[in-house]
Protein backbone atom coordinates (compact mmCIF):
# COMPACT_ATOMS: atom_id res chain seq x y z
CA MET A 1 0.91 118.02 9.53
CA TYR A 2 -2.10 117.83 11.81
CA THR A 3 -3.76 114.44 12.39
CA HIS A 4 -7.20 114.20 13.83
CA PRO A 5 -7.36 112.24 17.13
CA THR A 6 -10.16 110.07 15.77
CA SER A 7 -7.95 108.78 12.95
CA LEU A 8 -5.21 107.89 15.47
CA ILE A 9 -7.68 105.91 17.55
CA THR A 10 -8.91 104.14 14.39
CA ARG A 11 -5.37 103.18 13.42
CA ARG A 12 -4.63 101.84 16.88
CA CYS A 13 -7.79 99.78 16.83
CA ARG A 14 -6.91 98.35 13.45
CA SER A 15 -3.41 97.43 14.61
CA ARG A 16 -4.84 95.72 17.68
CA VAL A 17 -7.29 93.76 15.53
CA VAL A 18 -4.45 92.65 13.24
CA LEU A 19 -2.38 91.51 16.22
CA CYS A 20 -5.32 89.58 17.64
CA LEU A 21 -5.94 87.85 14.30
CA ALA A 22 -2.26 86.98 14.01
CA ALA A 23 -2.22 85.53 17.51
CA LEU A 24 -5.37 83.55 16.73
CA CYS A 25 -3.77 82.15 13.58
CA VAL A 26 -0.66 81.14 15.49
CA LEU A 27 -2.72 79.38 18.16
CA THR A 28 -4.82 77.63 15.53
CA ALA A 29 -1.72 76.53 13.65
CA SER A 30 -0.11 75.21 16.80
CA GLY A 31 -3.24 73.26 17.60
CA CYS A 32 -3.43 71.81 14.10
CA ALA A 33 0.20 70.77 14.32
CA GLN A 34 -0.73 67.87 16.58
CA LEU A 35 -1.86 64.75 14.78
CA PRO A 36 -4.75 62.79 16.34
CA HIS A 37 -3.53 59.70 18.16
CA HIS A 38 -4.83 56.45 16.72
CA ARG A 39 -5.52 54.06 19.58
CA ILE A 40 -5.25 50.31 19.07
CA VAL A 41 -6.59 49.48 22.54
CA LYS A 42 -10.24 50.50 22.25
CA GLY A 43 -12.97 50.51 24.85
CA PRO A 44 -12.75 50.76 28.65
CA THR A 45 -9.66 49.45 30.43
CA THR A 46 -11.20 48.63 33.82
CA THR A 47 -14.46 47.36 35.29
CA PRO A 48 -15.79 46.83 38.83
CA PRO A 49 -16.46 43.27 40.04
CA LEU A 50 -19.93 41.85 39.86
CA PRO A 51 -22.03 42.08 43.04
CA PRO A 52 -22.13 38.83 45.03
CA PRO A 53 -25.34 36.80 44.94
CA PRO A 54 -27.56 36.78 48.02
CA PRO A 55 -26.60 33.98 50.42
CA PRO A 56 -29.06 31.07 50.23
CA ALA A 57 -30.37 29.42 53.36
CA ASN A 58 -29.30 25.87 52.57
CA GLY A 59 -26.76 24.41 54.99
CA SER A 60 -23.79 25.62 56.97
CA LEU A 61 -20.89 23.86 55.18
CA PHE A 62 -21.83 23.62 51.49
CA GLU A 63 -23.55 26.50 49.76
CA ALA A 64 -25.12 26.27 46.31
CA ALA A 65 -23.92 29.75 45.32
CA TYR A 66 -20.29 29.11 46.31
CA THR A 67 -18.22 29.50 43.13
CA ARG A 68 -14.76 28.73 44.54
CA PRO A 69 -13.89 25.05 44.99
CA LEU A 70 -12.62 24.10 48.41
CA PHE A 71 -9.37 22.52 47.17
CA GLU A 72 -8.29 25.01 44.52
CA ASP A 73 -6.22 28.18 44.65
CA ARG A 74 -7.94 31.49 44.10
CA ARG A 75 -6.82 32.25 40.56
CA PRO A 76 -8.48 35.10 38.62
CA ARG A 77 -11.49 33.86 36.73
CA ALA A 78 -14.35 36.32 37.40
CA VAL A 79 -15.16 39.80 36.15
CA GLY A 80 -13.23 42.39 38.12
CA ASP A 81 -10.34 40.07 39.10
CA ILE A 82 -6.84 41.33 38.34
CA ILE A 83 -4.00 39.61 36.48
CA THR A 84 -0.39 40.75 36.20
CA VAL A 85 0.91 40.54 32.63
CA VAL A 86 4.69 40.21 32.27
CA LEU A 87 5.55 42.08 29.07
CA ASN A 88 8.33 40.30 27.22
CA GLU A 89 7.92 41.11 23.54
CA GLN A 90 10.95 40.46 21.36
CA VAL A 91 10.29 40.43 17.63
CA SER A 92 13.03 40.25 15.04
CA ALA A 93 12.72 39.72 11.29
CA THR A 94 15.30 39.62 8.50
CA LYS A 95 14.71 39.37 4.78
CA SER A 96 17.15 39.38 1.89
CA SER A 97 16.90 38.56 -1.79
CA ALA A 98 19.21 38.60 -4.79
CA ALA A 99 18.82 37.87 -8.50
CA ASN A 100 21.33 37.73 -11.37
CA ALA A 101 20.79 37.15 -15.07
CA SER A 102 23.05 37.52 -18.10
CA ARG A 103 22.80 36.82 -21.79
CA ASN A 104 25.31 37.20 -24.64
CA GLY A 105 24.99 36.68 -28.38
CA GLY A 106 27.02 37.33 -31.55
CA ILE A 107 26.93 36.89 -35.32
CA THR A 108 29.91 37.05 -37.65
CA PHE A 109 29.74 36.76 -41.49
CA LYS A 110 32.96 36.98 -43.54
CA PRO A 111 32.85 34.92 -46.77
CA LYS A 112 36.26 33.70 -48.05
CA VAL A 113 35.27 32.37 -51.49
CA ILE A 114 32.74 34.27 -53.59
CA PRO A 115 31.33 33.03 -56.89
CA LYS A 116 32.11 35.23 -59.90
CA VAL A 117 28.44 35.75 -60.57
CA LEU A 118 27.98 37.23 -57.10
CA GLY A 119 31.39 38.76 -56.78
CA SER A 120 30.25 42.24 -57.73
CA TYR A 121 27.58 42.08 -55.07
CA LEU A 122 29.33 40.38 -52.15
CA GLY A 123 32.86 41.49 -52.74
CA GLY A 124 34.19 43.27 -49.68
CA GLN A 125 31.03 42.67 -47.68
CA SER A 126 31.19 41.47 -44.06
CA ALA A 127 28.89 41.40 -41.05
CA ASP A 128 29.66 41.49 -37.36
CA ILE A 129 26.76 41.68 -34.87
CA SER A 130 27.03 41.20 -31.11
CA GLY A 131 24.85 41.93 -28.10
CA SER A 132 24.72 41.43 -24.35
CA ASN A 133 22.17 41.80 -21.58
CA THR A 134 22.98 41.82 -17.88
CA PHE A 135 20.68 42.16 -14.86
CA SER A 136 21.56 42.23 -11.18
CA GLY A 137 19.29 43.03 -8.25
CA LYS A 138 19.59 42.84 -4.46
CA GLY A 139 17.33 43.73 -1.57
CA GLY A 140 17.20 43.39 2.19
CA ALA A 141 15.16 44.44 5.21
CA ASN A 142 15.68 44.20 8.97
CA ALA A 143 13.22 44.85 11.81
CA SER A 144 13.65 44.50 15.57
CA ASN A 145 11.33 45.30 18.48
CA THR A 146 11.82 44.79 22.23
CA PHE A 147 9.39 45.66 25.04
CA THR A 148 9.74 44.48 28.63
CA GLY A 149 7.91 45.37 31.84
CA LYS A 150 4.78 44.55 33.83
CA ILE A 151 1.21 45.79 33.82
CA THR A 152 -1.76 44.64 35.89
CA VAL A 153 -4.99 44.23 33.95
CA THR A 154 -8.62 43.60 34.91
CA VAL A 155 -10.89 40.80 33.72
CA MET A 156 -13.47 42.63 31.62
CA SER A 157 -15.68 39.66 30.72
CA VAL A 158 -15.77 35.87 30.66
CA LEU A 159 -16.19 34.43 27.16
CA PRO A 160 -18.53 31.49 26.47
CA ASN A 161 -15.57 29.10 26.12
CA GLY A 162 -14.17 30.11 29.51
CA ASN A 163 -11.42 32.43 28.32
CA LEU A 164 -11.02 35.84 29.92
CA ALA A 165 -11.09 39.17 28.07
CA VAL A 166 -8.66 41.44 29.92
CA ALA A 167 -7.65 45.08 29.59
CA GLY A 168 -5.61 47.51 31.64
CA GLU A 169 -3.95 50.91 31.63
CA LYS A 170 -1.03 52.47 33.45
CA GLN A 171 -0.24 56.20 33.57
CA ILE A 172 3.10 57.60 34.66
CA GLY A 173 3.57 61.35 35.13
CA ILE A 174 7.10 62.59 34.46
CA ASN A 175 7.71 66.33 34.90
CA GLN A 176 5.40 68.02 32.38
CA GLY A 177 4.52 64.89 30.41
CA THR A 178 2.58 61.68 30.93
CA GLU A 179 3.43 58.20 29.70
CA TYR A 180 0.58 55.81 28.89
CA ILE A 181 0.76 52.02 28.70
CA LEU A 182 -2.38 50.19 27.54
CA PHE A 183 -2.90 46.47 27.12
CA SER A 184 -5.79 44.21 26.10
CA GLY A 185 -6.22 40.60 25.00
CA LYS A 186 -7.72 37.20 25.75
CA VAL A 187 -6.30 34.87 28.40
CA ASN A 188 -6.75 31.16 28.98
CA PRO A 189 -7.31 30.68 32.75
CA GLN A 190 -5.29 27.45 32.69
CA MET A 191 -2.16 29.40 31.69
CA ILE A 192 -2.33 31.75 34.69
CA SER A 193 0.29 30.87 37.29
CA ALA A 194 -0.36 30.51 41.00
CA ASP A 195 0.73 34.11 41.68
CA SER A 196 -1.82 35.46 39.15
CA THR A 197 0.75 36.28 36.46
CA ILE A 198 0.99 35.44 32.79
CA THR A 199 3.46 36.36 30.07
CA SER A 200 2.35 38.53 27.18
CA SER A 201 3.36 35.82 24.69
CA GLN A 202 0.56 33.62 26.10
CA VAL A 203 -2.14 36.25 25.53
CA ALA A 204 -4.24 35.93 22.39
CA ASP A 205 -5.24 38.98 20.33
CA ALA A 206 -2.79 41.05 22.39
CA ARG A 207 -2.88 44.83 21.89
CA LEU A 208 0.01 46.74 23.44
CA GLU A 209 0.17 50.52 23.22
CA TYR A 210 2.80 52.87 24.60
CA TYR A 211 2.78 56.61 23.98
CA GLY A 212 3.24 59.89 25.79
CA ASP A 213 2.19 63.52 25.71
CA GLY A 214 3.77 66.79 26.76
CA TYR A 215 6.33 69.14 25.30
CA ILE A 216 8.76 66.30 24.49
CA ASP A 217 6.12 64.52 22.43
CA GLU A 218 5.16 67.79 20.73
CA ALA A 219 8.77 68.36 19.66
CA GLN A 220 8.72 65.03 17.80
CA HIS A 221 5.78 66.01 15.57
CA MET A 222 6.18 67.62 12.17
CA GLY A 223 4.68 71.08 11.79
CA TRP A 224 1.42 71.46 9.90
CA LEU A 225 2.94 73.66 7.18
CA GLN A 226 5.78 71.23 6.65
CA ARG A 227 3.29 68.37 6.31
CA VAL A 228 1.31 70.35 3.73
CA LEU A 229 4.43 71.11 1.70
CA LEU A 230 5.50 67.47 1.97
CA ASN A 231 2.15 66.29 0.56
CA LEU A 232 2.17 68.85 -2.24
CA SER A 233 5.79 68.27 -3.25
CA PRO A 234 6.05 66.23 -6.48
CA PHE A 235 9.49 64.90 -5.54
């Protein structure tokens, strides 16, 4: 059977278009398989220090614009200063509950002596009714979380009450993936030690975030089609 060359070219073009569409669908599906990461540490995680004020011409020993006392250590207190946060988060919670209830009841009616007038009605009649109700319920939950390490943060701003708003980020590249550690919170300058460190348990409004990306993180995500079927499943 003879086939015109034009028809062969048309078929090849159609097959190539189908392959391209299939590849595009696969790429789109793979891109949709990744869920957007919800960040709990929002905003910038570093800031440069403020420029120093111009030196005033008022004396050689005591300057009006000098912000550091002469007899005090140089602890972080200005925008751009750095603080090392010692991460030591250990949270554990346990909850258990139990309830029991029972109830029994019974009725028995067996007359021994029956009047003659009522004998034809009550003769051979008896009643025996009993019932019971029992309930028992138990429940329990356990949760444990441990995070240790260190991260150096930057003073982002000084609040009106003197506390410091801090934030910081650390990135670690491992093979084909990257690990991210983000931290933010509010620090009381009086709790900062002489070596410019503070524990994470002394930070107010602390936000600690740890996540990674790469092929290992991608393998831990559920596929888009499986998520769709899971949402549509009535069971």
